[in-house]
Structures are given as C-alpha cells and as structure tokens.
Amino acid sequence: MNTATQFAPMKKMNKVIDNIKITDNFYLLKTDGVKNTRPGQFFMLRAWDKYPVLSRPISIFNVGEHLEFLYQVVGKGTEILKNLKKGSPINVYGPYGNGFDINVDSLAMVGGGVGVAPFYYLSKKILEKNKDAKLRLYLGEREGQNLESLFSDLPIDIKVKKGGFVTDIIDFDKHKLYYACGPEIMMKKTHELCRANNKNSYISLDLRMGCGLGACLSCSVDTKNGRKRSCKDGPVFMGSDIYE
C-alpha cells in the first residue's frame, strides 16, 4: 500500500466541477466537497491509482459554492490534474494544517507565482470579518503571466513585479504584519527585511508531503523549537521560527 492511501481517511470520491486554464501553466480546479476550511490550509488531491505514489498537496484558493485550487503544472501529478474534465472523479482529502490568522486589520501579503494561492481566500475571510481592513498583495510573476486577474473582484491593493524579485518593491511603512508564500528564497528574504524593519512575518512552507497527517514525517523541518511537521504543525510558521 502506498504512503498516500495508507494514511488518507476513507471518504466518498469527489468530482471535478471545472478546470480552467488561467495563464501560462497555471490552472484553477473546482471540485465539490467539504466547505469548513481555514485560509492557508491545504488538501491532498489524487486523481490516479498507483502512480505517482504520492498525492499532491494543494493550497485552498477559495471556498464558495465549490472548493477551488490554484495549481501550477510542474510534474506528473499536476499534469494529470491538468487533463481532468468536468465530471472527472478526484479524491480530495483534507483540509489539513493550521492556516493563517484572519483577526487582522492591516496586512501585507507577499506571493511568488503559485504561492499567491492562499491569499485570495485569506483576503476574502479577513474582509468578511472586517470590511475596513487594509490589505495589500505583493505579487511576483514572470512576464506574460496575469495571476493578478484572479484578485480583481477583491477590494485590495495589488502591487505586481514582473520578473526579478518581488521583495524589491515591498513597502515596510504601510503595515506591521507580513504573510509570505512562494519560493523559499523569497520567503527568507521577506523575513530578513521584516526583521530589519521591526515587522512581524509568517511564512507558509511548500514541502513534499506524503500523508498530510503528520504520520510519515516526510515534511519535517528544523525550527528554533526543534523538528516540526509542516503538514501538522504548519504549513504556516512565524518567519523567526524557521530562519533564525
């Protein structure tokens, strides 16, 4: 028995509602399924039998009438996801992880590429709780991509960096709290800049996961408080817990 199915809870098969190409090799997958989800949590998606061995951990992009997942095609698993059609069966295990705190009134979010995925639902839930919250998204992406279009219906301030380093455009005068998700080099730099400017940072780790339940230990990470499981104890950690 493979690791993913060994630790996955038994549940009814889900189905694909839609699978939309957004830009370049980014897709928005909509499925039916559980709705009680916190921003920053993730699900283990699986639309195959034995290979690939592991299910794919995908952050929740939005929860509404359906579950929505923003993903980038980078390997065999996501290539299979890309080819799913409306009505296709898919296993959606979760939600897993701790998620982001939504009790904030001022927040800057720093996302690189598919790392922006958790920030739509996060922004939505913060604004539902506090319509006057001041939210800014710093989005780093390649030339020709248009991920910012996914956020066009939200009243948030968006700053886009095409190519280069999104950390070059972060303003540390507007907010006290910064959430980051994306390439590790970007998250580490965000934390270092926050520390230099006396700001607090939280990061969402994107590590290879086997089960999502903390049983296989494949996503363990060193923190200032010892080894932690990013699927169970995270994926959201204080930047200072990981980088210093």
Protein backbone atom coordinates (compact mmCIF):
# COMPACT_ATOMS: atom_id res chain seq x y z
CA MET A 1 0.00 0.00 0.00
CA ASN A 2 1.43 3.40 -0.91
CA THR A 3 2.01 6.14 1.65
CA ALA A 4 -0.69 8.49 0.41
CA THR A 5 -3.52 5.96 0.55
CA GLN A 6 -2.23 4.31 3.72
CA PHE A 7 -2.82 7.41 5.82
CA ALA A 8 -5.67 9.00 3.87
CA PRO A 9 -9.12 8.96 5.54
CA MET A 10 -11.83 6.91 3.87
CA LYS A 11 -14.29 9.15 2.08
CA LYS A 12 -16.58 9.42 -0.90
CA MET A 13 -14.96 10.22 -4.24
CA ASN A 14 -15.33 13.86 -5.27
CA LYS A 15 -15.88 15.15 -8.78
CA VAL A 16 -14.44 17.94 -10.89
CA ILE A 17 -16.79 20.88 -11.42
CA ASP A 18 -14.42 22.81 -13.71
CA ASN A 19 -10.73 23.01 -14.60
CA ILE A 20 -9.81 26.36 -16.11
CA LYS A 21 -6.52 27.49 -17.64
CA ILE A 22 -5.66 30.87 -16.11
CA THR A 23 -2.32 31.83 -17.61
CA ASP A 24 0.79 30.04 -18.86
CA ASN A 25 0.79 26.68 -16.99
CA PHE A 26 -1.50 27.77 -14.13
CA TYR A 27 -4.96 26.24 -13.69
CA LEU A 28 -7.94 26.75 -11.39
CA LEU A 29 -9.52 23.43 -10.41
CA LYS A 30 -13.02 23.43 -8.90
CA THR A 31 -14.43 20.41 -7.09
CA ASP A 32 -17.35 19.57 -4.88
CA GLY A 33 -16.63 18.66 -1.28
CA VAL A 34 -16.13 19.84 2.29
CA LYS A 35 -16.60 23.54 2.99
CA ASN A 36 -15.30 24.01 6.56
CA THR A 37 -11.82 25.29 5.69
CA ARG A 38 -9.47 27.94 7.08
CA PRO A 39 -7.35 30.17 4.82
CA GLY A 40 -3.86 28.73 4.47
CA GLN A 41 -4.93 25.11 4.89
CA PHE A 42 -4.32 22.57 2.12
CA PHE A 43 -5.81 19.41 0.68
CA MET A 44 -4.23 16.25 -0.70
CA LEU A 45 -5.51 15.75 -4.24
CA ARG A 46 -5.35 12.44 -6.08
CA ALA A 47 -6.85 11.54 -9.47
CA TRP A 48 -4.85 8.39 -10.18
CA ASP A 49 -4.35 4.90 -8.77
CA LYS A 50 -0.80 3.67 -8.12
CA TYR A 51 1.46 6.17 -9.87
CA PRO A 52 2.55 8.76 -8.92
CA VAL A 53 2.93 7.24 -5.46
CA LEU A 54 2.13 10.42 -3.54
CA SER A 55 -0.97 12.57 -3.64
CA ARG A 56 -0.41 16.26 -4.33
CA PRO A 57 -0.71 18.86 -1.52
CA ILE A 58 -2.54 21.90 -2.95
CA SER A 59 -3.42 25.07 -1.03
CA ILE A 60 -7.03 26.14 -0.97
CA PHE A 61 -7.60 29.15 -3.22
CA ASN A 62 -11.26 29.76 -2.43
CA VAL A 63 -14.25 28.18 -0.75
CA GLY A 64 -17.65 29.14 -2.01
CA GLU A 65 -20.17 27.07 -3.87
CA HIS A 66 -17.24 24.77 -4.64
CA LEU A 67 -13.69 24.15 -3.46
CA GLU A 68 -11.18 25.94 -5.69
CA PHE A 69 -7.49 25.11 -6.09
CA LEU A 70 -4.91 27.15 -7.98
CA TYR A 71 -2.07 24.92 -9.17
CA GLN A 72 0.91 25.04 -11.48
CA VAL A 73 1.79 22.18 -13.80
CA VAL A 74 5.29 21.12 -12.77
CA GLY A 75 5.33 17.31 -12.87
CA LYS A 76 3.45 14.08 -13.48
CA GLY A 77 0.81 14.59 -10.79
CA THR A 78 -0.16 18.11 -11.81
CA GLU A 79 -0.02 17.05 -15.48
CA ILE A 80 -2.74 14.52 -14.66
CA LEU A 81 -4.73 17.20 -12.83
CA LYS A 82 -4.44 19.48 -15.88
CA ASN A 83 -6.16 16.88 -18.07
CA LEU A 84 -9.16 16.36 -15.79
CA LYS A 85 -12.52 17.25 -17.32
CA LYS A 86 -15.85 18.31 -15.85
CA GLY A 87 -17.31 15.32 -14.03
CA SER A 88 -13.97 13.51 -13.67
CA PRO A 89 -13.54 11.67 -10.33
CA ILE A 90 -10.96 13.00 -7.90
CA ASN A 91 -10.09 12.29 -4.26
CA VAL A 92 -9.96 15.44 -2.13
CA TYR A 93 -8.52 14.66 1.31
CA GLY A 94 -8.48 17.33 3.99
CA PRO A 95 -8.40 20.08 4.99
CA TYR A 96 -5.01 19.82 6.72
CA GLY A 97 -2.70 22.25 8.51
CA ASN A 98 -3.10 25.26 10.76
CA GLY A 99 -3.79 28.12 8.34
CA PHE A 100 -3.41 31.89 8.71
CA ASP A 101 -4.86 34.13 11.41
CA ILE A 102 -7.66 36.28 9.96
CA ASN A 103 -8.05 38.55 13.00
CA VAL A 104 -6.05 41.39 11.50
CA ASP A 105 -6.89 44.93 10.40
CA SER A 106 -3.72 45.63 8.41
CA LEU A 107 -1.75 43.08 6.43
CA ALA A 108 0.72 42.80 3.56
CA MET A 109 0.85 39.52 1.65
CA VAL A 110 3.88 38.54 -0.43
CA GLY A 111 3.32 35.84 -3.03
CA GLY A 112 5.57 34.40 -5.69
CA GLY A 113 3.96 32.52 -8.57
CA VAL A 114 1.58 29.82 -7.37
CA GLY A 115 2.46 30.94 -3.84
CA VAL A 116 -0.31 33.55 -4.17
CA ALA A 117 -2.87 30.72 -3.97
CA PRO A 118 -3.79 31.04 -0.25
CA PHE A 119 -4.16 34.81 -0.38
CA TYR A 120 -7.49 35.02 -2.21
CA TYR A 121 -9.46 33.10 0.41
CA LEU A 122 -7.44 34.76 3.18
CA SER A 123 -8.32 38.25 1.90
CA LYS A 124 -11.94 37.28 1.45
CA LYS A 125 -12.29 35.95 5.02
CA ILE A 126 -10.48 38.93 6.57
CA LEU A 127 -12.77 41.35 4.73
CA GLU A 128 -15.86 39.39 5.77
CA LYS A 129 -14.77 39.85 9.37
CA ASN A 130 -13.56 43.44 8.99
CA LYS A 131 -14.64 45.30 5.86
CA ASP A 132 -12.29 48.17 6.72
CA ALA A 133 -9.15 46.02 6.87
CA LYS A 134 -6.25 47.42 4.86
CA LEU A 135 -4.83 44.66 2.68
CA ARG A 136 -2.02 44.76 0.14
CA LEU A 137 -0.78 41.94 -2.08
CA TYR A 138 2.74 41.97 -3.49
CA LEU A 139 2.71 39.57 -6.41
CA GLY A 140 5.83 38.32 -8.16
CA GLU A 141 5.37 36.61 -11.50
CA ARG A 142 7.01 36.07 -14.87
CA GLU A 143 6.48 38.25 -17.91
CA GLY A 144 3.33 37.20 -19.74
CA GLN A 145 1.57 35.86 -16.66
CA ASN A 146 -1.57 37.50 -15.31
CA LEU A 147 -2.30 35.99 -11.90
CA GLU A 148 -3.43 39.36 -10.58
CA SER A 149 -6.62 38.95 -12.62
CA LEU A 150 -7.75 36.32 -10.10
CA PHE A 151 -7.99 39.01 -7.42
CA SER A 152 -9.85 41.64 -9.47
CA ASP A 153 -13.10 41.26 -7.53
CA LEU A 154 -11.49 41.92 -4.13
CA PRO A 155 -11.02 45.46 -2.72
CA ILE A 156 -7.32 45.00 -2.00
CA ASP A 157 -4.27 46.92 -3.14
CA ILE A 158 -2.14 44.88 -5.56
CA LYS A 159 1.47 45.60 -6.50
CA VAL A 160 2.90 43.41 -9.27
CA LYS A 161 6.55 42.68 -10.05
CA LYS A 162 7.10 41.10 -13.46
CA GLY A 163 10.42 39.27 -13.32
CA GLY A 164 13.18 39.93 -10.82
CA PHE A 165 12.48 39.86 -7.09
CA VAL A 166 9.12 40.86 -5.66
CA THR A 167 10.86 41.69 -2.36
CA ASP A 168 12.40 44.70 -4.13
CA ILE A 169 9.05 46.51 -4.14
CA ILE A 170 7.83 45.82 -0.59
CA ASP A 171 6.95 48.95 1.37
CA PHE A 172 7.57 48.49 5.10
CA ASP A 173 5.91 51.76 6.14
CA LYS A 174 2.30 50.69 5.49
CA HIS A 175 1.86 47.50 7.54
CA LYS A 176 3.08 45.83 10.71
CA LEU A 177 2.35 42.25 9.68
CA TYR A 178 3.54 40.33 6.60
CA TYR A 179 2.48 36.90 5.31
CA ALA A 180 4.62 35.22 2.64
CA CYS A 181 4.12 32.17 0.45
CA GLY A 182 6.20 31.12 -2.55
CA PRO A 183 9.81 30.20 -3.33
CA GLU A 184 11.88 29.72 -0.18
CA ILE A 185 14.44 32.34 -1.22
CA MET A 186 11.58 34.86 -1.45
CA MET A 187 10.15 33.93 1.96
CA LYS A 188 13.56 34.05 3.61
CA LYS A 189 14.28 37.47 2.11
CA THR A 190 10.85 38.72 3.19
CA HIS A 191 11.55 37.62 6.75
CA GLU A 192 15.00 39.23 6.75
CA LEU A 193 13.56 42.52 5.51
CA CYS A 194 10.77 42.36 8.08
CA ARG A 195 13.28 41.78 10.86
CA ALA A 196 15.40 44.72 9.65
CA ASN A 197 12.28 46.92 9.69
CA ASN A 198 10.93 45.66 13.03
CA LYS A 199 7.93 43.93 11.43
CA ASN A 200 6.43 40.51 12.12
CA SER A 201 6.35 37.84 9.41
CA TYR A 202 4.69 34.49 8.89
CA ILE A 203 5.51 32.08 6.08
CA SER A 204 3.70 29.14 4.53
CA LEU A 205 6.05 26.29 3.67
CA ASP A 206 5.61 24.30 0.47
CA LEU A 207 7.34 20.99 1.13
CA ARG A 208 6.91 17.50 -0.31
CA MET A 209 4.28 15.73 1.78
CA GLY A 210 3.39 12.07 1.94
CA CYS A 211 0.25 11.88 4.04
CA GLY A 212 -0.83 15.32 5.26
CA LEU A 213 -1.49 13.90 8.73
CA GLY A 214 1.96 14.11 10.30
CA ALA A 215 2.44 10.35 10.34
CA CYS A 216 5.08 9.82 7.65
CA LEU A 217 7.41 12.68 8.78
CA SER A 218 8.47 13.37 5.17
CA CYS A 219 7.78 17.10 5.55
CA SER A 220 9.68 17.62 8.82
CA VAL A 221 11.54 20.91 9.09
CA ASP A 222 14.04 22.38 11.55
CA THR A 223 12.66 25.19 13.71
CA LYS A 224 14.02 27.08 16.70
CA ASN A 225 11.81 24.76 18.80
CA GLY A 226 13.12 21.54 17.25
CA ARG A 227 11.86 19.44 14.36
CA LYS A 228 8.29 20.16 13.30
CA ARG A 229 5.96 18.59 10.73
CA SER A 230 4.96 21.22 8.19
CA CYS A 231 1.70 19.40 7.41
CA LYS A 232 0.57 19.10 11.02
CA ASP A 233 2.36 21.91 12.90
CA GLY A 234 2.26 24.21 9.85
CA PRO A 235 2.36 24.88 6.99
CA VAL A 236 2.22 28.39 8.48
CA PHE A 237 5.09 29.29 10.82
CA MET A 238 6.50 32.51 12.20
CA GLY A 239 9.40 33.55 10.00
CA SER A 240 11.65 33.73 13.04
CA ASP A 241 10.87 30.10 13.90
CA ILE A 242 12.34 28.93 10.59
CA TYR A 243 15.03 31.41 9.58
CA GLU A 244 16.74 32.36 12.86
